[in-house]
Protein backbone atom coordinates (compact mmCIF):
# COMPACT_ATOMS: atom_id res chain seq x y z
CA GLY A 1 12.09 28.27 11.01
CA HIS A 2 14.32 25.51 9.49
CA ARG A 3 16.39 22.73 11.38
CA ILE A 4 19.28 20.75 10.05
CA LEU A 5 19.41 17.22 11.30
CA ASN A 6 21.56 14.20 10.84
CA ILE A 7 19.80 11.10 9.47
CA GLY A 8 21.84 7.98 9.54
CA ASN A 9 23.21 5.29 11.68
CA CYS A 10 24.00 6.25 15.29
CA HIS A 11 27.09 4.12 15.73
CA PRO A 12 30.48 4.15 14.19
CA GLU A 13 31.12 2.23 10.94
CA THR A 14 34.62 2.01 9.70
CA VAL A 15 35.75 3.09 6.04
CA LEU A 16 36.61 -0.55 5.50
CA ALA A 17 33.20 -1.85 6.77
CA MET A 18 31.46 0.43 4.32
CA ILE A 19 33.67 -0.68 1.47
CA GLU A 20 33.07 -4.37 2.27
CA ALA A 21 29.41 -3.83 2.49
CA LEU A 22 29.42 -2.18 -1.03
CA GLU A 23 31.48 -4.86 -2.41
CA SER A 24 29.01 -7.53 -1.15
CA ALA A 25 26.04 -5.45 -2.52
CA LEU A 26 27.63 -5.12 -5.86
CA GLY A 27 29.18 -8.52 -6.10
CA VAL A 28 32.63 -7.16 -6.89
CA THR A 29 35.89 -6.77 -5.08
CA ALA A 30 37.48 -3.32 -4.94
CA LYS A 31 41.07 -2.76 -5.78
CA LYS A 32 42.35 -1.37 -2.49
CA VAL A 33 45.55 0.27 -2.10
CA MET A 34 46.28 0.53 1.69
CA LYS A 35 48.24 3.67 2.59
CA PRO A 36 48.85 5.50 5.93
CA THR A 37 45.89 7.52 6.99
CA PRO A 38 46.50 11.14 6.07
CA PRO A 39 46.14 13.75 8.81
CA GLY A 40 42.66 14.77 9.48
CA GLU A 41 41.09 11.74 7.71
CA VAL A 42 38.26 10.08 9.45
CA THR A 43 38.49 6.35 10.02
CA ALA A 44 34.86 5.87 11.11
CA THR A 45 31.72 8.07 10.92
CA PHE A 46 28.37 8.18 12.40
CA ALA A 47 25.44 10.42 12.64
CA ASP A 48 24.21 11.85 16.02
CA VAL A 49 20.39 11.43 15.47
CA SER A 50 19.49 12.37 19.16
CA ARG A 51 17.69 15.70 18.03
CA LEU A 52 15.98 13.77 15.24
CA THR A 53 14.94 11.11 17.60
CA ALA A 54 13.68 13.72 20.16
CA LEU A 55 11.62 15.41 17.57
CA THR A 56 10.20 12.59 15.60
CA GLY A 57 10.98 9.25 17.32
CA TYR A 58 13.02 8.08 14.45
CA ALA A 59 15.43 5.32 15.24
CA PRO A 60 17.81 3.71 12.73
CA LYS A 61 16.91 0.11 11.98
CA VAL A 62 18.86 -0.89 8.96
CA ALA A 63 22.36 -2.45 9.14
CA ILE A 64 24.98 -1.26 6.89
CA GLY A 65 24.98 -4.36 4.79
CA ASP A 66 21.32 -4.17 4.18
CA GLY A 67 21.29 -0.46 3.53
CA MET A 68 24.13 -0.78 0.99
CA ALA A 69 22.25 -3.78 -0.78
CA ARG A 70 19.03 -1.72 -0.94
CA PHE A 71 21.05 1.29 -2.39
CA ALA A 72 22.80 -0.88 -5.01
CA THR A 73 19.44 -2.37 -5.99
CA TRP A 74 17.95 1.16 -6.22
CA PHE A 75 20.93 2.61 -8.15
CA ARG A 76 20.85 -0.17 -10.61
CA ASP A 77 17.09 0.09 -11.18
CA TYR A 78 17.11 3.90 -11.28
CA TYR A 79 19.91 4.06 -13.92
CA ARG A 80 18.78 0.88 -15.58
CA ILE A 81 22.18 -0.88 -15.08
CA GLY A 82 22.47 -4.66 -15.53
């Protein structure tokens, strides 16, 4: 009686794009050390939401930058940080 479904963005986002969005949301610059990608490491990730869409009509609408900004705001409010 249960289903496991992906909920997320349905197109790839690079790891660097995620870091840049988080940097922008937090107003800080990450200290990045660029190294060769280890075998098996993902360079982009995305959710296949086709089953969720078919079942519920859900379609992602929030861009990564907006989502990271909302998350940063929630995180700061929830943990009462700055």
